């Protein structure tokens, strides 16, 4: 597992801000490309690609910035009992129509 350096980490914080797999999953749920995430955070797309591919050792502050951007957009990261990610129930206007709310009027 890629941990990253402790640069920018909070005192007493343990473990990574998110795993590469959580980052890929969150981007997928949000419909973002590597370039989209990089642009939202103001980092090079290579940082996102390398982190998610398990290459390099980016500072944890940069990993936290990636996580923060996805959290702001509605991604919810979980650590215990299992690491994962899901979308917030309150994502905002771009959430779309929930399955139970589909009608012939909005099914276009």
C-alpha atoms as a PDB file:
ATOM      1  CA  UNK A   1       0.000   0.000   0.000  1.00  0.00           C
ATOM      2  CA  UNK A   2       1.244   3.463  -0.864  1.00  0.00           C
ATOM      3  CA  UNK A   3       1.485   5.562   2.261  1.00  0.00           C
ATOM      4  CA  UNK A   4       3.119   8.815   1.173  1.00  0.00           C
ATOM      5  CA  UNK A   5       5.423  10.960   3.227  1.00  0.00           C
ATOM      6  CA  UNK A   6       4.317  12.736   6.347  1.00  0.00           C
ATOM      7  CA  UNK A   7       4.790  16.197   4.823  1.00  0.00           C
ATOM      8  CA  UNK A   8       1.729  18.217   5.703  1.00  0.00           C
ATOM      9  CA  UNK A   9       0.221  15.493   7.888  1.00  0.00           C
ATOM     10  CA  UNK A  10      -1.575  16.487  11.044  1.00  0.00           C
ATOM     11  CA  UNK A  11       0.095  15.668  14.315  1.00  0.00           C
ATOM     12  CA  UNK A  12      -1.073  12.302  15.545  1.00  0.00           C
ATOM     13  CA  UNK A  13      -2.613  11.343  12.200  1.00  0.00           C
ATOM     14  CA  UNK A  14      -2.052   7.752  11.188  1.00  0.00           C
ATOM     15  CA  UNK A  15      -2.191   6.093   7.805  1.00  0.00           C
ATOM     16  CA  UNK A  16      -2.801   7.650   4.418  1.00  0.00           C
ATOM     17  CA  UNK A  17      -5.502  10.213   3.707  1.00  0.00           C
ATOM     18  CA  UNK A  18      -6.891   7.714   1.183  1.00  0.00           C
ATOM     19  CA  UNK A  19      -5.616   4.719  -0.712  1.00  0.00           C
ATOM     20  CA  UNK A  20      -4.969   4.711  -4.464  1.00  0.00           C
ATOM     21  CA  UNK A  21      -7.949   2.355  -4.878  1.00  0.00           C
ATOM     22  CA  UNK A  22     -10.220   4.735  -2.951  1.00  0.00           C
ATOM     23  CA  UNK A  23      -9.078   7.600  -5.177  1.00  0.00           C
ATOM     24  CA  UNK A  24      -9.843   5.652  -8.369  1.00  0.00           C
ATOM     25  CA  UNK A  25     -13.228   4.570  -6.995  1.00  0.00           C
ATOM     26  CA  UNK A  26     -14.190   8.085  -5.899  1.00  0.00           C
ATOM     27  CA  UNK A  27     -13.252   9.519  -9.292  1.00  0.00           C
ATOM     28  CA  UNK A  28     -15.344   6.830 -10.958  1.00  0.00           C
ATOM     29  CA  UNK A  29     -18.345   7.563  -8.769  1.00  0.00           C
ATOM     30  CA  UNK A  30     -18.025  11.274  -9.475  1.00  0.00           C
ATOM     31  CA  UNK A  31     -17.475  10.734 -13.196  1.00  0.00           C
ATOM     32  CA  UNK A  32     -14.124  12.540 -13.108  1.00  0.00           C
ATOM     33  CA  UNK A  33     -11.027  11.783 -15.175  1.00  0.00           C
ATOM     34  CA  UNK A  34      -7.508  12.021 -13.753  1.00  0.00           C
ATOM     35  CA  UNK A  35      -7.250  15.375 -15.558  1.00  0.00           C
ATOM     36  CA  UNK A  36     -10.509  16.602 -13.983  1.00  0.00           C
ATOM     37  CA  UNK A  37      -9.289  15.840 -10.464  1.00  0.00           C
ATOM     38  CA  UNK A  38      -5.856  17.337 -11.105  1.00  0.00           C
ATOM     39  CA  UNK A  39      -7.406  20.544 -12.456  1.00  0.00           C
ATOM     40  CA  UNK A  40      -9.734  20.908  -9.463  1.00  0.00           C
ATOM     41  CA  UNK A  41      -6.784  20.637  -7.069  1.00  0.00           C
ATOM     42  CA  UNK A  42      -4.252  22.547  -9.171  1.00  0.00           C
ATOM     43  CA  UNK A  43      -1.721  19.734  -9.476  1.00  0.00           C
ATOM     44  CA  UNK A  44      -0.225  17.964 -12.464  1.00  0.00           C
ATOM     45  CA  UNK A  45      -2.245  15.080 -13.884  1.00  0.00           C
ATOM     46  CA  UNK A  46       0.886  12.903 -13.532  1.00  0.00           C
ATOM     47  CA  UNK A  47       0.635  13.192  -9.733  1.00  0.00           C
ATOM     48  CA  UNK A  48      -2.884  11.715  -9.825  1.00  0.00           C
ATOM     49  CA  UNK A  49      -1.897   9.015 -12.314  1.00  0.00           C
ATOM     50  CA  UNK A  50       1.244   8.040 -10.377  1.00  0.00           C
ATOM     51  CA  UNK A  51      -0.529   8.030  -6.992  1.00  0.00           C
ATOM     52  CA  UNK A  52      -3.422   5.899  -8.247  1.00  0.00           C
ATOM     53  CA  UNK A  53      -0.977   3.576 -10.009  1.00  0.00           C
ATOM     54  CA  UNK A  54       1.008   3.083  -6.806  1.00  0.00           C
ATOM     55  CA  UNK A  55       4.115   4.864  -8.080  1.00  0.00           C
ATOM     56  CA  UNK A  56       6.130   7.487  -6.273  1.00  0.00           C
ATOM     57  CA  UNK A  57       5.645   8.872  -2.805  1.00  0.00           C
ATOM     58  CA  UNK A  58       3.589  12.079  -2.959  1.00  0.00           C
ATOM     59  CA  UNK A  59       3.408  14.212   0.170  1.00  0.00           C
ATOM     60  CA  UNK A  60       0.353  13.355   2.261  1.00  0.00           C
ATOM     61  CA  UNK A  61      -0.708  17.001   1.989  1.00  0.00           C
ATOM     62  CA  UNK A  62      -1.217  16.523  -1.743  1.00  0.00           C
ATOM     63  CA  UNK A  63      -3.129  13.285  -1.184  1.00  0.00           C
ATOM     64  CA  UNK A  64      -5.327  15.091   1.343  1.00  0.00           C
ATOM     65  CA  UNK A  65      -5.967  17.870  -1.210  1.00  0.00           C
ATOM     66  CA  UNK A  66      -7.151  15.256  -3.736  1.00  0.00           C
ATOM     67  CA  UNK A  67      -9.386  13.669  -1.113  1.00  0.00           C
ATOM     68  CA  UNK A  68     -10.739  17.055  -0.030  1.00  0.00           C
ATOM     69  CA  UNK A  69     -11.765  17.968  -3.585  1.00  0.00           C
ATOM     70  CA  UNK A  70     -13.637  14.685  -3.983  1.00  0.00           C
ATOM     71  CA  UNK A  71     -15.223  14.999  -0.528  1.00  0.00           C
ATOM     72  CA  UNK A  72     -16.474  18.480  -1.414  1.00  0.00           C
ATOM     73  CA  UNK A  73     -18.088  17.004  -4.543  1.00  0.00           C
ATOM     74  CA  UNK A  74     -19.903  14.341  -2.511  1.00  0.00           C
ATOM     75  CA  UNK A  75     -17.531  11.411  -2.076  1.00  0.00           C
ATOM     76  CA  UNK A  76     -17.563   9.878   1.421  1.00  0.00           C
ATOM     77  CA  UNK A  77     -14.461   7.924   2.442  1.00  0.00           C
ATOM     78  CA  UNK A  78     -14.689   5.157   5.028  1.00  0.00           C
ATOM     79  CA  UNK A  79     -11.851   3.482   6.883  1.00  0.00           C
ATOM     80  CA  UNK A  80     -13.409   1.160   9.432  1.00  0.00           C
ATOM     81  CA  UNK A  81     -14.305  -1.588   9.456  1.00  0.00           C
ATOM     82  CA  UNK A  82     -13.370  -1.640   5.749  1.00  0.00           C
ATOM     83  CA  UNK A  83     -11.793   1.029   3.598  1.00  0.00           C
ATOM     84  CA  UNK A  84     -14.140   2.225   0.885  1.00  0.00           C
ATOM     85  CA  UNK A  85     -15.905   5.142  -0.709  1.00  0.00           C
ATOM     86  CA  UNK A  86     -19.509   5.974  -1.581  1.00  0.00           C
ATOM     87  CA  UNK A  87     -21.469   9.038  -2.606  1.00  0.00           C
ATOM     88  CA  UNK A  88     -23.172  11.243  -0.075  1.00  0.00           C
ATOM     89  CA  UNK A  89     -26.946  11.086  -0.048  1.00  0.00           C
ATOM     90  CA  UNK A  90     -26.926  14.880  -0.366  1.00  0.00           C
ATOM     91  CA  UNK A  91     -24.761  15.467  -3.428  1.00  0.00           C
ATOM     92  CA  UNK A  92     -26.576  18.464  -4.853  1.00  0.00           C
ATOM     93  CA  UNK A  93     -28.166  19.331  -8.162  1.00  0.00           C
ATOM     94  CA  UNK A  94     -26.124  17.022 -10.405  1.00  0.00           C
ATOM     95  CA  UNK A  95     -27.195  13.856  -8.596  1.00  0.00           C
ATOM     96  CA  UNK A  96     -29.766  12.948 -11.246  1.00  0.00           C
ATOM     97  CA  UNK A  97     -33.071  11.159 -10.710  1.00  0.00           C
ATOM     98  CA  UNK A  98     -33.230   8.294  -8.248  1.00  0.00           C
ATOM     99  CA  UNK A  99     -34.621   5.024  -9.540  1.00  0.00           C
ATOM    100  CA  UNK A 100     -37.722   5.201  -7.322  1.00  0.00           C
ATOM    101  CA  UNK A 101     -38.544   8.678  -8.637  1.00  0.00           C
ATOM    102  CA  UNK A 102     -38.488   7.774 -12.341  1.00  0.00           C
ATOM    103  CA  UNK A 103     -41.739   8.375 -14.193  1.00  0.00           C
ATOM    104  CA  UNK A 104     -42.679   8.450 -17.854  1.00  0.00           C
ATOM    105  CA  UNK A 105     -42.276  12.229 -17.657  1.00  0.00           C
ATOM    106  CA  UNK A 106     -38.659  12.240 -16.430  1.00  0.00           C
ATOM    107  CA  UNK A 107     -37.539   9.026 -18.154  1.00  0.00           C
ATOM    108  CA  UNK A 108     -36.147  10.831 -21.194  1.00  0.00           C
END
